[in-house]
Every structure is written in structure tokens, then in C-alpha cells.
């Protein structure tokens, strides 16, 4: 561009001096230096932190969100494979849950939600989850007299964890998805 090496620094220095006199490129010459403006508050959503406490064997978990408490029991402790008749171990576990609902609950409606994993057809899973929720409702009814119990089956539509990980079935996640949840409002 420049034929003379001594001319290049002079041109660069002239351009720099002109820029300093004009001020920085981002400065607006029409705004007075003592001007002030309104600073808007940043408003960001705050998500609830939902902690989950899980039993050592992974067969039971409890979460609390606000006043709502959810006790989840995996179906492996409640039922035999593809069955909806409660096991003896299940009846003992449900007595413990009923004690918790009575001691911590605020009364009102107790929801019993049945869930399955993704194995089997949607229709089969929906029916199985409903039957399991009804079996738990029937077992809890005499233990929670005075409360309204509502049983609902969701089939595989509300997994707790992904049934497939990296495109492959995950046995642990599927086991946690096969569950019955007892949902109630806690007294505070």
C-alpha cells in the first residue's frame, strides 16, 4: 500500500489522533456527559428446589414441594410382576405410609397414582396402573378413615426417569418408573 516505510507511521498516527479528538466510537455526541438514566430491575423466575429422599434400597422415595408430599413406592415391593394383588411386604409398607399421612397430613384428599414403565402396550400399562392404584386405595382406606382417597392410573405417560438411555433400555430407571405414589398435603 505505502511505497515509503516512513509515510505509513505518519498516516496511522494521523488516523489515531483524529479518533481521539472525536471520542470513542460508542460515545453519542448528543448526550450530555452529566446525563443519567433509569436502570430497570432484572426480574428472573425462581424455580422451586424439590429435594427427594430415597431409601437405601431404592424402593421408596419422598419428595416435598410446598405443602405437597409425594411418597413413591416401587411396584417391585408392592406387587409381583404384571400383577395387582398386594404382597405381604406391601401391606406392611402401606401401614407405614398411612402412619406418615396421619401424622404429617393436613387432611382432605389423598391421591394414589399408579405408574408403569414403557414395556407393553399403552392400553395394557394404563389398565395395570389403574388396578394397582385401586389395590393400594383399598388397602389404605381402613387405615385412613375420614380421608378421601382418589385412585388414578397413568400407565407409562409420566415416567420419573427416562426408560431409555442412549437409545438402550435402562433397567434401573424402568424399575423406578414402575411405582405407586401416595400424594397428600402436609400440615405446616
Protein backbone atom coordinates (compact mmCIF):
# COMPACT_ATOMS: atom_id res chain seq x y z
CA UNK A 1 0.00 0.00 0.00
CA UNK A 2 2.68 2.55 1.01
CA UNK A 3 5.79 2.77 -1.08
CA UNK A 4 7.70 4.64 1.59
CA UNK A 5 8.08 2.96 5.03
CA UNK A 6 8.38 6.34 6.71
CA UNK A 7 4.99 7.50 5.41
CA UNK A 8 2.99 4.58 6.91
CA UNK A 9 3.53 5.58 10.59
CA UNK A 10 2.54 9.16 9.83
CA UNK A 11 -0.77 8.08 8.27
CA UNK A 12 -1.57 5.70 11.19
CA UNK A 13 -0.72 8.42 13.73
CA UNK A 14 -2.99 10.91 11.94
CA UNK A 15 -5.91 8.43 11.95
CA UNK A 16 -5.40 7.71 15.67
CA UNK A 17 -5.29 11.38 16.59
CA UNK A 18 -8.46 12.06 14.65
CA UNK A 19 -10.19 9.22 16.53
CA UNK A 20 -9.12 10.56 19.94
CA UNK A 21 -10.44 14.00 19.14
CA UNK A 22 -13.81 12.57 18.03
CA UNK A 23 -14.10 10.43 21.17
CA UNK A 24 -14.75 6.73 21.38
CA UNK A 25 -16.85 5.17 18.65
CA UNK A 26 -19.62 4.19 21.12
CA UNK A 27 -20.00 7.69 22.58
CA UNK A 28 -23.03 9.64 21.38
CA UNK A 29 -22.07 13.34 20.98
CA UNK A 30 -25.72 14.40 21.53
CA UNK A 31 -25.86 13.01 25.09
CA UNK A 32 -24.50 15.41 27.72
CA UNK A 33 -21.74 13.96 29.93
CA UNK A 34 -23.78 14.51 33.15
CA UNK A 35 -26.89 12.73 31.81
CA UNK A 36 -28.44 9.93 33.85
CA UNK A 37 -30.98 7.24 33.01
CA UNK A 38 -33.31 4.77 34.66
CA UNK A 39 -31.89 1.35 35.41
CA UNK A 40 -34.50 -1.38 35.11
CA UNK A 41 -34.67 -4.12 37.73
CA UNK A 42 -33.91 -7.59 36.46
CA UNK A 43 -36.76 -9.96 37.18
CA UNK A 44 -35.91 -13.63 36.75
CA UNK A 45 -38.08 -16.66 37.53
CA UNK A 46 -37.10 -18.72 40.56
CA UNK A 47 -37.64 -22.43 40.25
CA UNK A 48 -38.65 -24.47 43.28
CA UNK A 49 -35.97 -26.74 44.58
CA UNK A 50 -37.50 -30.15 45.07
CA UNK A 51 -35.48 -32.47 47.24
CA UNK A 52 -36.00 -36.18 47.14
CA UNK A 53 -35.17 -38.57 49.94
CA UNK A 54 -34.75 -42.16 48.82
CA UNK A 55 -34.47 -45.34 50.87
CA UNK A 56 -31.14 -47.15 50.76
CA UNK A 57 -32.59 -49.97 48.68
CA UNK A 58 -34.22 -47.50 46.25
CA UNK A 59 -37.72 -48.93 46.72
CA UNK A 60 -39.20 -45.86 48.39
CA UNK A 61 -38.76 -42.12 47.94
CA UNK A 62 -40.31 -38.99 49.33
CA UNK A 63 -40.45 -35.53 47.82
CA UNK A 64 -41.95 -32.34 49.18
CA UNK A 65 -42.88 -29.35 47.04
CA UNK A 66 -44.54 -26.60 49.02
CA UNK A 67 -47.17 -28.35 51.13
CA UNK A 68 -47.50 -31.33 48.77
CA UNK A 69 -45.77 -34.55 49.86
CA UNK A 70 -45.32 -37.49 47.47
CA UNK A 71 -44.35 -40.90 48.80
CA UNK A 72 -43.43 -43.24 45.95
CA UNK A 73 -43.19 -47.00 46.40
CA UNK A 74 -41.77 -49.05 43.56
CA UNK A 75 -44.15 -51.68 42.30
CA UNK A 76 -41.48 -54.33 42.85
CA UNK A 77 -42.18 -54.12 46.62
CA UNK A 78 -45.92 -53.88 46.20
CA UNK A 79 -46.75 -56.43 43.52
CA UNK A 80 -45.49 -59.49 41.69
CA UNK A 81 -44.57 -58.97 38.04
CA UNK A 82 -47.63 -57.99 35.95
CA UNK A 83 -49.95 -58.43 38.98
CA UNK A 84 -52.06 -56.04 41.02
CA UNK A 85 -52.56 -58.12 44.18
CA UNK A 86 -50.57 -56.62 47.06
CA UNK A 87 -47.80 -58.69 48.63
CA UNK A 88 -47.48 -59.14 52.42
CA UNK A 89 -44.47 -56.82 52.35
CA UNK A 90 -46.58 -54.21 50.57
CA UNK A 91 -49.23 -54.21 53.29
CA UNK A 92 -46.55 -53.55 55.91
CA UNK A 93 -45.08 -50.69 53.84
CA UNK A 94 -48.54 -49.19 53.31
CA UNK A 95 -49.20 -49.24 57.07
CA UNK A 96 -46.02 -47.15 57.47
CA UNK A 97 -47.16 -44.72 54.77
CA UNK A 98 -50.61 -44.45 56.40
CA UNK A 99 -48.95 -43.58 59.72
CA UNK A 100 -47.00 -40.82 57.96
CA UNK A 101 -50.11 -39.45 56.25
CA UNK A 102 -51.99 -39.39 59.58
CA UNK A 103 -49.13 -37.73 61.49
CA UNK A 104 -47.99 -35.22 58.83
CA UNK A 105 -51.10 -34.75 56.70
CA UNK A 106 -53.45 -31.79 56.74
CA UNK A 107 -56.48 -33.92 55.89
CA UNK A 108 -58.50 -33.64 52.72
CA UNK A 109 -57.83 -35.70 49.62
CA UNK A 110 -55.07 -38.30 49.33
CA UNK A 111 -54.22 -39.14 45.73
CA UNK A 112 -52.96 -42.58 44.77
CA UNK A 113 -51.27 -42.53 41.38
CA UNK A 114 -50.23 -45.71 39.58
CA UNK A 115 -47.41 -45.70 37.01
CA UNK A 116 -45.68 -48.26 34.80
CA UNK A 117 -42.57 -48.36 32.65
CA UNK A 118 -42.67 -48.43 28.84
CA UNK A 119 -42.78 -52.21 28.39
CA UNK A 120 -46.07 -53.46 26.99
CA UNK A 121 -48.79 -51.61 25.13
CA UNK A 122 -50.18 -48.28 26.27
CA UNK A 123 -53.61 -49.83 26.92
CA UNK A 124 -52.15 -52.69 28.98
CA UNK A 125 -50.00 -50.31 31.05
CA UNK A 126 -52.88 -47.95 31.68
CA UNK A 127 -55.10 -50.79 32.89
CA UNK A 128 -52.32 -52.26 35.07
CA UNK A 129 -51.53 -48.90 36.65
CA UNK A 130 -55.23 -48.27 37.43
CA UNK A 131 -55.65 -51.71 39.00
CA UNK A 132 -52.55 -51.20 41.12
CA UNK A 133 -53.70 -47.75 42.28
CA UNK A 134 -57.09 -49.22 43.21
CA UNK A 135 -55.41 -52.06 45.15
CA UNK A 136 -53.40 -49.54 47.17
CA UNK A 137 -56.53 -47.43 47.72
CA UNK A 138 -58.40 -50.48 49.02
CA UNK A 139 -55.56 -51.31 51.44
CA UNK A 140 -55.22 -47.73 52.70
CA UNK A 141 -58.95 -46.98 53.09
CA UNK A 142 -59.38 -48.65 56.53
CA UNK A 143 -56.06 -47.16 57.70
CA UNK A 144 -57.02 -43.62 56.66
CA UNK A 145 -60.69 -43.44 57.62
CA UNK A 146 -62.07 -39.94 57.39
CA UNK A 147 -59.90 -39.03 54.40
CA UNK A 148 -60.95 -39.10 50.76
CA UNK A 149 -58.77 -41.39 48.65
CA UNK A 150 -58.66 -40.95 44.87
CA UNK A 151 -57.01 -43.61 42.72
CA UNK A 152 -55.74 -42.83 39.23
CA UNK A 153 -53.67 -44.81 36.73
CA UNK A 154 -51.30 -43.08 34.34
CA UNK A 155 -49.66 -46.04 32.63
CA UNK A 156 -46.32 -45.09 31.15
CA UNK A 157 -47.27 -41.46 30.45
CA UNK A 158 -45.42 -39.91 33.43
CA UNK A 159 -42.04 -41.56 33.81
CA UNK A 160 -39.92 -40.48 36.75
CA UNK A 161 -36.75 -41.20 34.76
CA UNK A 162 -36.10 -41.94 31.07
CA UNK A 163 -36.87 -45.57 30.24
CA UNK A 164 -34.21 -45.47 27.52
CA UNK A 165 -30.73 -44.01 27.95
CA UNK A 166 -28.65 -43.51 24.81
CA UNK A 167 -31.31 -45.48 22.91
CA UNK A 168 -30.99 -48.53 25.17
CA UNK A 169 -33.36 -49.79 27.87
CA UNK A 170 -32.25 -48.83 31.38
CA UNK A 171 -33.38 -51.46 33.92
CA UNK A 172 -32.83 -49.23 36.97
CA UNK A 173 -34.84 -46.36 35.52
CA UNK A 174 -37.62 -48.69 34.44
CA UNK A 175 -37.79 -50.13 37.96
CA UNK A 176 -38.21 -46.62 39.42
CA UNK A 177 -40.90 -45.81 36.86
CA UNK A 178 -42.97 -48.82 37.99
CA UNK A 179 -44.39 -47.19 41.10
CA UNK A 180 -47.42 -46.10 43.07
CA UNK A 181 -47.36 -42.60 44.51
CA UNK A 182 -49.33 -41.50 47.57
CA UNK A 183 -49.75 -37.73 47.38
CA UNK A 184 -51.09 -35.61 50.25
CA UNK A 185 -50.88 -32.10 51.66
CA UNK A 186 -48.73 -31.73 54.76
CA UNK A 187 -49.77 -29.78 57.80
CA UNK A 188 -47.35 -26.90 58.38
